[in-house]
Each structure stands twice: as C-alpha cells, then as structure tokens.
C-alpha atoms as a PDB file:
ATOM      1  CA  UNK A   1     -27.441  -6.082  20.757  1.00  0.00           C
ATOM      2  CA  UNK A   2     -25.929  -9.214  18.907  1.00  0.00           C
ATOM      3  CA  UNK A   3     -23.906  -8.758  15.776  1.00  0.00           C
ATOM      4  CA  UNK A   4     -24.164 -11.193  13.039  1.00  0.00           C
ATOM      5  CA  UNK A   5     -20.533 -12.598  12.227  1.00  0.00           C
ATOM      6  CA  UNK A   6     -19.957 -14.743   9.410  1.00  0.00           C
ATOM      7  CA  UNK A   7     -16.481 -16.403   8.310  1.00  0.00           C
ATOM      8  CA  UNK A   8     -15.236 -16.208   4.712  1.00  0.00           C
ATOM      9  CA  UNK A   9     -15.162 -19.896   3.291  1.00  0.00           C
ATOM     10  CA  UNK A  10     -11.379 -19.466   2.982  1.00  0.00           C
ATOM     11  CA  UNK A  11     -11.319 -18.757   6.819  1.00  0.00           C
ATOM     12  CA  UNK A  12      -9.009 -15.318   6.407  1.00  0.00           C
ATOM     13  CA  UNK A  13     -11.601 -13.193   7.322  1.00  0.00           C
ATOM     14  CA  UNK A  14     -14.623 -12.338   9.440  1.00  0.00           C
ATOM     15  CA  UNK A  15     -17.813 -10.312   8.143  1.00  0.00           C
ATOM     16  CA  UNK A  16     -19.519  -8.094  10.822  1.00  0.00           C
ATOM     17  CA  UNK A  17     -22.120  -5.446   9.844  1.00  0.00           C
ATOM     18  CA  UNK A  18     -20.905  -5.985   6.265  1.00  0.00           C
ATOM     19  CA  UNK A  19     -17.372  -5.010   6.924  1.00  0.00           C
ATOM     20  CA  UNK A  20     -14.636  -7.608   6.405  1.00  0.00           C
ATOM     21  CA  UNK A  21     -11.701  -8.138   9.181  1.00  0.00           C
ATOM     22  CA  UNK A  22      -8.946 -10.107   8.955  1.00  0.00           C
ATOM     23  CA  UNK A  23      -8.891 -13.147  11.504  1.00  0.00           C
ATOM     24  CA  UNK A  24      -5.641 -13.940  13.726  1.00  0.00           C
ATOM     25  CA  UNK A  25      -3.398 -16.481  12.400  1.00  0.00           C
ATOM     26  CA  UNK A  26      -4.626 -19.776  13.056  1.00  0.00           C
ATOM     27  CA  UNK A  27      -0.868 -21.162  13.756  1.00  0.00           C
ATOM     28  CA  UNK A  28      -0.417 -19.087  16.656  1.00  0.00           C
ATOM     29  CA  UNK A  29       0.258 -21.511  19.492  1.00  0.00           C
ATOM     30  CA  UNK A  30      -2.615 -20.993  22.318  1.00  0.00           C
ATOM     31  CA  UNK A  31      -0.487 -19.601  24.823  1.00  0.00           C
ATOM     32  CA  UNK A  32       0.923 -17.168  22.430  1.00  0.00           C
ATOM     33  CA  UNK A  33      -2.683 -15.976  21.157  1.00  0.00           C
ATOM     34  CA  UNK A  34      -3.871 -15.686  24.869  1.00  0.00           C
ATOM     35  CA  UNK A  35      -0.766 -13.416  25.758  1.00  0.00           C
ATOM     36  CA  UNK A  36      -1.182 -11.341  22.672  1.00  0.00           C
ATOM     37  CA  UNK A  37      -5.015 -10.829  23.327  1.00  0.00           C
ATOM     38  CA  UNK A  38      -4.100  -9.975  26.680  1.00  0.00           C
ATOM     39  CA  UNK A  39      -1.906  -7.210  25.419  1.00  0.00           C
ATOM     40  CA  UNK A  40      -4.593  -6.101  22.954  1.00  0.00           C
ATOM     41  CA  UNK A  41      -7.280  -5.796  25.818  1.00  0.00           C
ATOM     42  CA  UNK A  42      -4.770  -3.730  27.821  1.00  0.00           C
ATOM     43  CA  UNK A  43      -3.799  -1.546  25.127  1.00  0.00           C
ATOM     44  CA  UNK A  44      -7.275  -0.947  24.068  1.00  0.00           C
ATOM     45  CA  UNK A  45      -8.279  -0.014  27.747  1.00  0.00           C
ATOM     46  CA  UNK A  46      -5.401   2.134  27.666  1.00  0.00           C
ATOM     47  CA  UNK A  47      -6.731   4.105  24.648  1.00  0.00           C
ATOM     48  CA  UNK A  48      -9.909   4.807  26.230  1.00  0.00           C
ATOM     49  CA  UNK A  49      -8.357   5.589  29.606  1.00  0.00           C
ATOM     50  CA  UNK A  50      -6.139   8.083  27.973  1.00  0.00           C
ATOM     51  CA  UNK A  51      -8.539   9.432  25.555  1.00  0.00           C
ATOM     52  CA  UNK A  52     -10.959  10.277  28.392  1.00  0.00           C
ATOM     53  CA  UNK A  53      -7.950  12.036  30.401  1.00  0.00           C
ATOM     54  CA  UNK A  54      -7.551  13.913  27.325  1.00  0.00           C
ATOM     55  CA  UNK A  55      -3.696  12.647  27.377  1.00  0.00           C
ATOM     56  CA  UNK A  56      -2.964  12.536  23.679  1.00  0.00           C
ATOM     57  CA  UNK A  57       0.569  10.969  24.419  1.00  0.00           C
ATOM     58  CA  UNK A  58      -0.543   8.370  26.174  1.00  0.00           C
ATOM     59  CA  UNK A  59      -3.328   7.709  23.469  1.00  0.00           C
ATOM     60  CA  UNK A  60      -0.395   7.643  20.911  1.00  0.00           C
ATOM     61  CA  UNK A  61       1.350   5.180  23.133  1.00  0.00           C
ATOM     62  CA  UNK A  62      -1.522   2.846  23.810  1.00  0.00           C
ATOM     63  CA  UNK A  63      -2.296   2.918  19.955  1.00  0.00           C
ATOM     64  CA  UNK A  64       1.293   1.953  19.144  1.00  0.00           C
ATOM     65  CA  UNK A  65       0.912  -1.203  21.512  1.00  0.00           C
ATOM     66  CA  UNK A  66      -2.575  -1.978  19.799  1.00  0.00           C
ATOM     67  CA  UNK A  67      -0.922  -1.968  16.602  1.00  0.00           C
ATOM     68  CA  UNK A  68       1.922  -4.400  17.715  1.00  0.00           C
ATOM     69  CA  UNK A  69      -0.580  -6.660  19.250  1.00  0.00           C
ATOM     70  CA  UNK A  70      -2.709  -6.934  15.977  1.00  0.00           C
ATOM     71  CA  UNK A  71       0.391  -7.368  13.895  1.00  0.00           C
ATOM     72  CA  UNK A  72       1.536 -10.206  16.339  1.00  0.00           C
ATOM     73  CA  UNK A  73      -1.676 -11.951  16.093  1.00  0.00           C
ATOM     74  CA  UNK A  74      -1.550 -11.818  12.101  1.00  0.00           C
ATOM     75  CA  UNK A  75      -4.622  -9.243  11.659  1.00  0.00           C
ATOM     76  CA  UNK A  76      -2.379  -6.227  10.653  1.00  0.00           C
ATOM     77  CA  UNK A  77       0.602  -6.086   8.496  1.00  0.00           C
ATOM     78  CA  UNK A  78       1.761  -9.025   5.949  1.00  0.00           C
ATOM     79  CA  UNK A  79      -1.278 -11.285   5.605  1.00  0.00           C
ATOM     80  CA  UNK A  80      -0.336 -14.621   7.336  1.00  0.00           C
ATOM     81  CA  UNK A  81      -1.245 -16.444   4.585  1.00  0.00           C
ATOM     82  CA  UNK A  82       1.290 -15.022   2.333  1.00  0.00           C
ATOM     83  CA  UNK A  83       3.997 -15.634   4.946  1.00  0.00           C
ATOM     84  CA  UNK A  84       5.825 -19.074   5.406  1.00  0.00           C
ATOM     85  CA  UNK A  85       6.099 -20.831   8.816  1.00  0.00           C
ATOM     86  CA  UNK A  86       9.501 -19.011   9.890  1.00  0.00           C
ATOM     87  CA  UNK A  87       7.928 -15.481   8.860  1.00  0.00           C
ATOM     88  CA  UNK A  88       4.877 -16.147  10.766  1.00  0.00           C
ATOM     89  CA  UNK A  89       6.960 -17.221  13.872  1.00  0.00           C
ATOM     90  CA  UNK A  90       9.060 -14.284  13.525  1.00  0.00           C
ATOM     91  CA  UNK A  91       6.128 -11.955  13.473  1.00  0.00           C
ATOM     92  CA  UNK A  92       4.299 -13.086  16.430  1.00  0.00           C
ATOM     93  CA  UNK A  93       8.088 -13.389  18.332  1.00  0.00           C
ATOM     94  CA  UNK A  94       8.952  -9.971  17.531  1.00  0.00           C
ATOM     95  CA  UNK A  95       5.529  -8.788  18.780  1.00  0.00           C
ATOM     96  CA  UNK A  96       5.765 -10.053  21.886  1.00  0.00           C
ATOM     97  CA  UNK A  97       9.385  -8.994  22.592  1.00  0.00           C
ATOM     98  CA  UNK A  98       8.225  -5.495  22.187  1.00  0.00           C
ATOM     99  CA  UNK A  99       5.336  -5.844  23.947  1.00  0.00           C
ATOM    100  CA  UNK A 100       6.689  -7.825  27.036  1.00  0.00           C
ATOM    101  CA  UNK A 101      10.465  -6.100  26.647  1.00  0.00           C
END
C-alpha cells in the first residue's frame, strides 16, 4: 500500500492521509540528521519491543528517547522556522548529548 505524501508550499509540513506533520529542520547537517534518525529508529523499536513484553517502564523510557530524537530533528518543540541559527544548533546538539550521553 502506497500512501500519497504531499509537501506544503512552504516546505514546513508533509501531508499524509490528510494529516499534517512537521518536517525535519532542513538546516540539519547530514551527519547530524543521520545520527538523530538512527536514534529515532532504535527508540521506536524499543517502544514496540517493550510494549509486546508488557514492560511499561521500558515503554516510557523509549518514548522519552523518541521525543528527544524528534525534538532534535525539529519535528517537535519550538518550530525550527521560529528559531535563529544558534537556537537550531543548540536544539540538535542538546538532543544528541541526551541521546548519546
């Protein structure tokens, strides 16, 4: 099944099945984006695995990591287009410190 994905004209959102989702910050360096996406994938996998095992504490911990990764990507928290370059860099650096620390 292929979903139709559209971008808004301003590039800030993608629309999937009629629902808008914020896009990742286009200013992210490629290596930073790759690291954050890796953490996001591992965290989402952790949510699934812990959920199947019925481990609510592990689900909660994995969800915190999902939130950190998505915030670092600019998909959650203060909108990346409302931040200056320094704030954007501080956002993704803080997320990586928390995820890799």
